[in-house]
Each structure stands twice: as structure tokens, then as C-alpha cells.
Amino acid sequence: AAMLRRSCIVLAALGCAEAFSPSASLPIRVPRVAVSRGAAGVVCAEGGDGSRRNLLQGALGLAVGAVLPSVPLPAAAADGNTCIMEIKTTDGIQGTIEIELMPDIAPKTVAQFKQYVESGLYDGTAFHRVNEFSKKKVLVGGDPYTKEEVFCNDIDTWKGAKTCSNGAGYGPDGWIANGKRGSGDDDKATRNLWDKGGPPGWRRDGLSKVKLDPEFGGKHERGAISFRRFRKPESAGSQFIINLSDMSKEMDGNSAVFGKVTKGIELLDKMDSKMVLKSNTALDFPRDDDKFVTTWSAWDRPVARQGIVSVKIN
């Protein structure tokens, strides 16, 4: 190593001497070279208009880099595509879900999802639909009206007013009153807003201020996550569907898959689709072709809160 350093110094010195030699022939213009850094330090200097000084600086940079100890440079920040979702339910399911995002398939959709994550829109929400029909099962989440705190959105755009939840769809005890147990702190008015929540300015119809260009690629296989859309192709807001069964027949070509669960799907499988009450509407899977639109039962509202504690991007 020492011999190599001495060789580099000699080469650098020769370069300097040649640069200042009376017979040295310099180009009229030396192309501009950006300063770059390696493990040994600065190895290139910025070029200029035929300047011997710049050549000398470049030679000296090589020499200094050869004799200084290697200094590791900080790695560039990675554009993470792993989503970490922490869940905790009232009926005892708790753990971490990992979702690998797919910007190669749906770049705009992934970017939109990341914006919602970074804004904290999903933190403290819940899966408000756990639907099992004809031996298939999906989860629906991402509605900020399911937060156990006040949430407002301007969905009534024609009124110029905001619609706010009371933030207690389940209440502190985490249950909806049902035939098997009571609950005195859950708020039905808040639950009536579920399925209508999304990012600021979004609503399910053509009056929405938020529109997402359709990227209807990918397979809706088990573990796939896609944005939930409504009648129009660009109508997706923040709500998403996680498939616990293969839903290719119902959804391929009509919804945007943007990721897949890679760890923790067994926790999602445990979410109870039997202890449910009736949602305000049936669950359907809109299409843009002439094929039959699949519609599932409205009996899919969990009586125990299926909470999403936080969502982060790694």
C-alpha cells in the first residue's frame, strides 16, 4: 500500500511538472469536470479555460487522496419502498405488517400513497370493513373518518362547508354495541361517515378535488394492496383494499395494485369476518368494461376495532 501511495505521488508530481513545462501544449478549453469524491478524498478538480492551475489542483488532489486514510462517505438516502404497518385490534390481534410497494407497476399511485403516509393520514385509523363472501376475503381501510379523534373534510363542496366526525366510532372501549355485548361510548353518527373519508378535498363522485390517474396494472392476487376506487376510474382517494384471497377475476384491469404484503399476512387472516354488523352500503368492485360488477354483502363492519396504529415507509 505504501509503495502504491508513493507511486501515486510521483505520478501526480510528474503531472504537475508537465503542466508547467514550457513545452506543455494545453487545449484552448478544458471541459468542465464536476468535483467527485471517493473513499480517499477529492480526486477530480473543476476544469476551466486552459488553466494550468486547474491541472495542478487535479494532480495535487490525486496525491493527497493517495496519502490520506480512507474515509467512508455517508450513503445516499434510499427511496424506500417497504411499508411498515402496525396493527392492534380490540380483540387481541397485534403485530407488524410489511408491504412491498411497486413503483415499477404504478409509480403515480405509489407516490400518492407515500404522500398520505408521510402526512400521517393513516395513523390511528382502522379497517372498517372485513368482508368474506363466497370463500373470498378482503379488508378495507384507509378512511380517516375511522380515527378515534375529530376529523374534518370538505366533502360537501357545493355547500362550502366541512363535514366532521366526532371521532368515536368505537369509543374508548373499542367495541360497537351488538347482540353479544353492550357499549355506551360508540358514536353511530361517526360510523355513518365511514366509506366517505379521504384526503382533503376528496369525495367519491365527480365533484372531488382529488383525482388519481388510473394505473390498472398488476395482479390482484392474495396479499395485493390496491386503492379502492368508486364509479369513475380516477376516483380513488386514500382508502385501500388488501386481498386475503385471489381477486384477479373481480379486480384485474380495473383497480390499481401498488404493493403486496410480504410479512404478517397471517395476522390479517385472523381478523374476524363473522362478528360484524351491517355497513351503510354493499361492497362492490367497479369495472370500466361490460363485464358483471361483483357486489358483496354489506355485513362487514367489525364490532371490535381493527386498529391501524401507524403506517411508515422504510
Protein backbone atom coordinates (compact mmCIF):
# COMPACT_ATOMS: atom_id res chain seq x y z
CA ALA A 1 0.00 0.00 0.00
CA ALA A 2 2.86 2.36 0.88
CA MET A 3 4.52 1.66 -2.48
CA LEU A 4 1.23 2.40 -4.24
CA ARG A 5 0.89 5.74 -2.44
CA ARG A 6 4.46 6.71 -3.34
CA SER A 7 3.74 5.82 -6.98
CA CYS A 8 0.63 8.00 -6.97
CA ILE A 9 2.57 10.92 -5.52
CA VAL A 10 5.28 10.55 -8.18
CA LEU A 11 2.67 10.42 -10.94
CA ALA A 12 0.95 13.48 -9.53
CA ALA A 13 4.22 15.37 -9.31
CA LEU A 14 5.08 14.41 -12.88
CA GLY A 15 1.68 15.67 -13.94
CA CYS A 16 2.31 18.99 -12.20
CA ALA A 17 5.76 19.33 -13.76
CA GLU A 18 4.40 18.54 -17.20
CA ALA A 19 1.64 21.06 -16.74
CA PHE A 20 4.12 23.84 -16.06
CA SER A 21 6.68 22.74 -18.60
CA PRO A 22 7.48 25.42 -21.22
CA SER A 23 6.74 22.89 -23.94
CA ALA A 24 3.42 21.86 -22.48
CA SER A 25 0.60 22.07 -25.01
CA LEU A 26 -2.70 22.95 -23.43
CA PRO A 27 -6.09 22.79 -25.13
CA ILE A 28 -7.90 26.03 -25.76
CA ARG A 29 -10.66 24.85 -23.40
CA VAL A 30 -10.58 22.07 -20.88
CA PRO A 31 -14.03 20.51 -20.43
CA ARG A 32 -15.65 21.23 -17.08
CA VAL A 33 -15.39 18.27 -14.73
CA ALA A 34 -17.55 18.06 -11.63
CA VAL A 35 -15.89 17.60 -8.27
CA SER A 36 -16.28 13.98 -7.23
CA ARG A 37 -15.37 12.19 -4.05
CA GLY A 38 -14.08 8.70 -3.50
CA ALA A 39 -13.07 6.79 -0.38
CA ALA A 40 -9.67 8.50 -0.41
CA GLY A 41 -10.93 12.06 -0.81
CA VAL A 42 -11.25 14.52 -3.68
CA VAL A 43 -9.90 13.00 -6.88
CA CYS A 44 -11.03 15.44 -9.55
CA ALA A 45 -10.91 19.22 -9.72
CA GLU A 46 -13.11 21.54 -11.72
CA GLY A 47 -11.77 22.26 -15.17
CA GLY A 48 -11.62 25.68 -16.73
CA ASP A 49 -10.34 27.63 -19.70
CA GLY A 50 -6.89 26.12 -20.31
CA SER A 51 -5.75 26.86 -16.76
CA ARG A 52 -2.51 25.18 -15.68
CA ARG A 53 -3.54 25.96 -12.11
CA ASN A 54 -6.55 23.68 -12.51
CA LEU A 55 -4.34 20.91 -13.83
CA LEU A 56 -2.08 21.37 -10.83
CA GLN A 57 -5.08 21.22 -8.47
CA GLY A 58 -6.17 17.96 -10.07
CA ALA A 59 -2.70 16.46 -9.71
CA LEU A 60 -2.43 17.56 -6.10
CA GLY A 61 -5.88 16.07 -5.43
CA LEU A 62 -4.65 12.71 -6.63
CA ALA A 63 -1.58 12.98 -4.45
CA VAL A 64 -3.49 13.98 -1.32
CA GLY A 65 -6.06 11.25 -1.89
CA ALA A 66 -3.30 8.68 -2.12
CA VAL A 67 -1.69 9.51 1.23
CA LEU A 68 -4.78 10.27 3.35
CA PRO A 69 -6.55 7.39 5.10
CA SER A 70 -9.81 6.21 3.59
CA VAL A 71 -12.86 7.98 4.99
CA PRO A 72 -16.21 6.29 4.27
CA LEU A 73 -18.80 8.69 2.93
CA PRO A 74 -22.42 8.60 4.09
CA ALA A 75 -24.67 6.55 1.84
CA ALA A 76 -27.27 8.37 -0.21
CA ALA A 77 -30.75 8.28 1.28
CA ALA A 78 -32.68 5.41 -0.28
CA ASP A 79 -36.11 5.95 -1.74
CA GLY A 80 -37.75 3.33 0.47
CA ASN A 81 -40.40 1.06 -0.95
CA THR A 82 -41.16 -1.01 2.14
CA CYS A 83 -44.26 -0.02 4.10
CA ILE A 84 -44.45 -0.94 7.79
CA MET A 85 -47.97 -1.11 9.22
CA GLU A 86 -48.51 -1.62 12.94
CA ILE A 87 -51.91 -3.08 13.84
CA LYS A 88 -53.65 -3.57 17.16
CA THR A 89 -57.22 -4.78 17.50
CA THR A 90 -59.61 -4.73 20.44
CA ASP A 91 -59.97 -8.49 20.22
CA GLY A 92 -56.27 -9.20 20.69
CA ILE A 93 -54.52 -9.16 17.29
CA GLN A 94 -51.29 -7.20 17.38
CA GLY A 95 -48.15 -7.05 15.24
CA THR A 96 -46.34 -5.72 12.20
CA ILE A 97 -47.34 -5.97 8.56
CA GLU A 98 -44.76 -5.37 5.82
CA ILE A 99 -45.87 -4.30 2.37
CA GLU A 100 -43.50 -4.06 -0.57
CA LEU A 101 -44.53 -1.18 -2.83
CA MET A 102 -44.39 -1.48 -6.63
CA PRO A 103 -43.36 1.83 -8.25
CA ASP A 104 -42.43 -0.07 -11.43
CA ILE A 105 -46.08 -1.04 -11.91
CA ALA A 106 -47.88 2.02 -10.52
CA PRO A 107 -45.46 4.93 -9.96
CA LYS A 108 -48.09 7.66 -9.55
CA THR A 109 -50.17 5.51 -7.22
CA VAL A 110 -47.16 4.64 -5.05
CA ALA A 111 -46.15 8.31 -4.89
CA GLN A 112 -49.68 9.27 -3.80
CA PHE A 113 -49.73 6.54 -1.14
CA LYS A 114 -46.37 7.76 0.21
CA GLN A 115 -47.74 11.30 0.49
CA TYR A 116 -50.66 10.05 2.56
CA VAL A 117 -48.30 8.04 4.77
CA GLU A 118 -45.94 10.95 5.31
CA SER A 119 -48.82 13.26 6.22
CA GLY A 120 -49.98 10.82 8.93
CA LEU A 121 -53.35 10.33 7.27
CA TYR A 122 -53.39 6.61 8.09
CA ASP A 123 -52.10 6.76 11.66
CA GLY A 124 -54.83 5.87 14.14
CA THR A 125 -57.31 4.66 11.52
CA ALA A 126 -58.90 1.19 11.35
CA PHE A 127 -60.01 -1.48 8.92
CA HIS A 128 -63.68 -0.58 8.78
CA ARG A 129 -64.75 -3.45 6.53
CA VAL A 130 -63.76 -7.11 6.96
CA ASN A 131 -65.70 -8.83 4.21
CA GLU A 132 -65.83 -12.53 3.43
CA PHE A 133 -68.06 -13.70 0.62
CA SER A 134 -68.15 -16.92 -1.41
CA LYS A 135 -64.96 -18.18 0.28
CA LYS A 136 -63.06 -14.99 -0.56
CA LYS A 137 -61.96 -12.30 1.88
CA VAL A 138 -60.80 -8.67 1.70
CA LEU A 139 -60.06 -5.89 4.16
CA VAL A 140 -60.90 -2.23 3.54
CA GLY A 141 -59.01 0.51 5.40
CA GLY A 142 -57.51 3.96 4.94
CA ASP A 143 -60.60 6.05 5.79
CA PRO A 144 -59.51 8.90 8.12
CA TYR A 145 -63.06 9.14 9.49
CA THR A 146 -62.23 5.91 11.37
CA LYS A 147 -59.75 7.77 13.58
CA GLU A 148 -60.76 7.94 17.24
CA GLU A 149 -60.42 11.72 17.10
CA VAL A 150 -62.23 14.51 15.31
CA PHE A 151 -61.52 14.53 11.58
CA CYS A 152 -62.90 17.11 9.12
CA ASN A 153 -63.03 17.15 5.35
CA ASP A 154 -64.67 19.45 2.83
CA ILE A 155 -66.67 16.74 1.07
CA ASP A 156 -69.75 18.97 0.84
CA THR A 157 -68.12 21.19 -1.76
CA TRP A 158 -71.42 22.60 -3.02
CA LYS A 159 -72.13 23.91 0.50
CA GLY A 160 -68.65 25.32 1.03
CA ALA A 161 -68.60 23.61 4.43
CA LYS A 162 -66.60 20.88 6.13
CA THR A 163 -68.01 17.59 7.36
CA CYS A 164 -66.51 16.46 10.66
CA SER A 165 -66.67 13.22 12.60
CA ASN A 166 -66.99 13.10 16.38
CA GLY A 167 -64.03 10.74 16.47
CA ALA A 168 -65.62 7.92 18.45
CA GLY A 169 -66.82 5.28 16.02
CA TYR A 170 -65.91 2.64 18.61
CA GLY A 171 -65.22 4.81 21.62
CA PRO A 172 -62.64 4.19 24.36
CA ASP A 173 -63.68 0.58 24.95
CA GLY A 174 -63.09 -0.31 21.28
CA TRP A 175 -66.43 -2.02 20.68
CA ILE A 176 -69.68 -1.34 18.87
CA ALA A 177 -72.77 -2.31 20.81
CA ASN A 178 -74.13 -5.58 19.45
CA GLY A 179 -76.26 -8.55 20.42
CA LYS A 180 -73.49 -10.12 22.49
CA ARG A 181 -72.20 -7.10 24.40
CA GLY A 182 -73.10 -3.51 25.08
CA SER A 183 -71.06 -0.35 24.60
CA GLY A 184 -72.09 3.04 25.87
CA ASP A 185 -69.39 5.15 24.25
CA ASP A 186 -69.56 4.38 20.50
CA ASP A 187 -70.92 7.01 18.12
CA LYS A 188 -73.21 5.99 15.27
CA ALA A 189 -73.01 9.41 13.57
CA THR A 190 -69.27 8.92 13.12
CA ARG A 191 -69.78 5.45 11.66
CA ASN A 192 -72.26 6.87 9.16
CA LEU A 193 -69.34 8.77 7.64
CA TRP A 194 -67.23 5.66 7.11
CA ASP A 195 -66.55 4.90 3.43
CA LYS A 196 -66.76 8.65 2.70
CA GLY A 197 -63.40 9.71 4.16
CA GLY A 198 -60.24 10.56 2.28
CA PRO A 199 -57.57 13.23 1.81
CA PRO A 200 -58.52 16.92 1.93
CA GLY A 201 -60.91 17.79 -0.88
CA TRP A 202 -61.68 14.21 -1.87
CA ARG A 203 -65.11 12.74 -2.34
CA ARG A 204 -66.37 9.67 -4.18
CA ASP A 205 -68.08 11.42 -7.10
CA GLY A 206 -67.17 13.80 -9.90
CA LEU A 207 -67.09 16.82 -7.56
CA SER A 208 -63.90 15.54 -5.94
CA LYS A 209 -60.93 17.91 -5.95
CA VAL A 210 -58.59 14.90 -5.81
CA LYS A 211 -58.20 12.69 -8.85
CA LEU A 212 -55.68 9.90 -9.41
CA ASP A 213 -54.73 8.84 -12.93
CA PRO A 214 -55.63 5.15 -13.38
CA GLU A 215 -52.70 2.72 -13.34
CA PHE A 216 -54.64 -0.51 -13.58
CA GLY A 217 -51.77 -2.96 -13.91
CA GLY A 218 -50.66 -5.72 -11.57
CA LYS A 219 -52.38 -8.84 -10.35
CA HIS A 220 -54.94 -8.75 -7.57
CA GLU A 221 -53.63 -11.94 -6.02
CA ARG A 222 -53.58 -12.83 -2.33
CA GLY A 223 -51.69 -10.15 -0.42
CA ALA A 224 -52.12 -7.44 -3.06
CA ILE A 225 -52.99 -3.93 -1.88
CA SER A 226 -54.80 -1.52 -4.18
CA PHE A 227 -56.51 1.83 -3.84
CA ARG A 228 -60.25 1.49 -3.55
CA ARG A 229 -61.98 3.18 -6.46
CA PHE A 230 -65.60 4.07 -7.00
CA ARG A 231 -67.64 4.65 -10.15
CA LYS A 232 -65.11 6.73 -12.09
CA PRO A 233 -61.65 5.32 -12.95
CA GLU A 234 -59.86 8.31 -11.37
CA SER A 235 -61.98 8.32 -8.20
CA ALA A 236 -59.52 6.67 -5.78
CA GLY A 237 -58.79 8.55 -2.57
CA SER A 238 -56.86 7.20 0.41
CA GLN A 239 -58.95 4.08 1.09
CA PHE A 240 -57.30 0.80 0.18
CA ILE A 241 -58.19 -2.86 -0.17
CA ILE A 242 -55.95 -5.73 0.96
CA ASN A 243 -56.81 -9.03 -0.67
CA LEU A 244 -56.69 -12.09 1.57
CA SER A 245 -57.81 -14.19 -1.40
CA ASP A 246 -57.10 -14.08 -5.11
CA MET A 247 -59.33 -11.31 -6.51
CA SER A 248 -57.96 -11.28 -10.06
CA LYS A 249 -61.30 -12.14 -11.61
CA GLU A 250 -63.12 -9.34 -9.80
CA MET A 251 -60.49 -6.58 -9.92
CA ASP A 252 -57.76 -7.06 -12.55
CA GLY A 253 -57.66 -4.23 -15.07
CA ASN A 254 -59.99 -2.04 -13.03
CA SER A 255 -58.08 -1.16 -9.85
CA ALA A 256 -54.51 -0.05 -9.19
CA VAL A 257 -52.34 -2.63 -7.41
CA PHE A 258 -49.43 -0.74 -5.85
CA GLY A 259 -47.94 -3.26 -3.42
CA LYS A 260 -48.07 -6.68 -1.81
CA VAL A 261 -47.99 -7.92 1.77
CA THR A 262 -44.70 -9.76 2.28
CA LYS A 263 -44.81 -10.32 6.06
CA GLY A 264 -47.61 -10.62 8.59
CA ILE A 265 -50.48 -11.65 6.36
CA GLU A 266 -51.36 -14.36 8.88
CA LEU A 267 -52.27 -11.57 11.33
CA LEU A 268 -54.67 -10.11 8.80
CA ASP A 269 -56.17 -13.55 8.22
CA LYS A 270 -57.20 -13.58 11.90
CA MET A 271 -59.44 -10.54 11.55
CA ASP A 272 -62.95 -11.79 12.24
CA SER A 273 -65.42 -11.56 9.37
CA LYS A 274 -68.20 -13.22 11.41
CA MET A 275 -68.56 -10.75 14.30
CA VAL A 276 -69.80 -7.93 12.09
CA LEU A 277 -72.67 -5.53 11.71
CA LYS A 278 -74.13 -4.03 8.57
CA SER A 279 -72.31 -1.22 6.74
CA ASN A 280 -74.30 1.53 5.07
CA THR A 281 -73.79 0.08 1.58
CA ALA A 282 -72.84 -3.19 -0.06
CA LEU A 283 -69.20 -3.64 -1.08
CA ASP A 284 -68.73 -3.64 -4.82
CA PHE A 285 -65.76 -3.76 -7.18
CA PRO A 286 -66.40 -1.28 -10.04
CA ARG A 287 -65.39 -2.03 -13.61
CA ASP A 288 -64.99 0.00 -16.80
CA ASP A 289 -65.85 -2.79 -19.21
CA ASP A 290 -69.13 -4.57 -19.92
CA LYS A 291 -68.48 -7.44 -17.53
CA PHE A 292 -70.57 -8.10 -14.45
CA VAL A 293 -69.74 -5.90 -11.43
CA THR A 294 -69.12 -8.06 -8.37
CA THR A 295 -71.09 -6.96 -5.31
CA TRP A 296 -70.66 -8.42 -1.85
CA SER A 297 -72.87 -8.27 1.22
CA ALA A 298 -72.93 -5.13 3.39
CA TRP A 299 -72.47 -7.25 6.51
CA ASP A 300 -68.80 -6.48 7.09
CA ARG A 301 -68.45 -3.82 9.82
CA PRO A 302 -66.34 -5.31 12.65
CA VAL A 303 -67.84 -4.99 16.14
CA ALA A 304 -64.29 -4.96 17.57
CA ARG A 305 -61.98 -2.18 16.38
CA GLN A 306 -59.37 -3.48 13.91
CA GLY A 307 -56.93 -0.67 14.53
CA ILE A 308 -54.06 0.60 12.38
CA VAL A 309 -51.71 2.20 14.89
CA SER A 310 -49.26 3.65 12.36
CA VAL A 311 -48.01 3.37 8.80
CA LYS A 312 -44.41 4.24 7.89
CA ILE A 313 -42.15 3.97 4.84
CA ASN A 314 -38.71 2.36 5.27
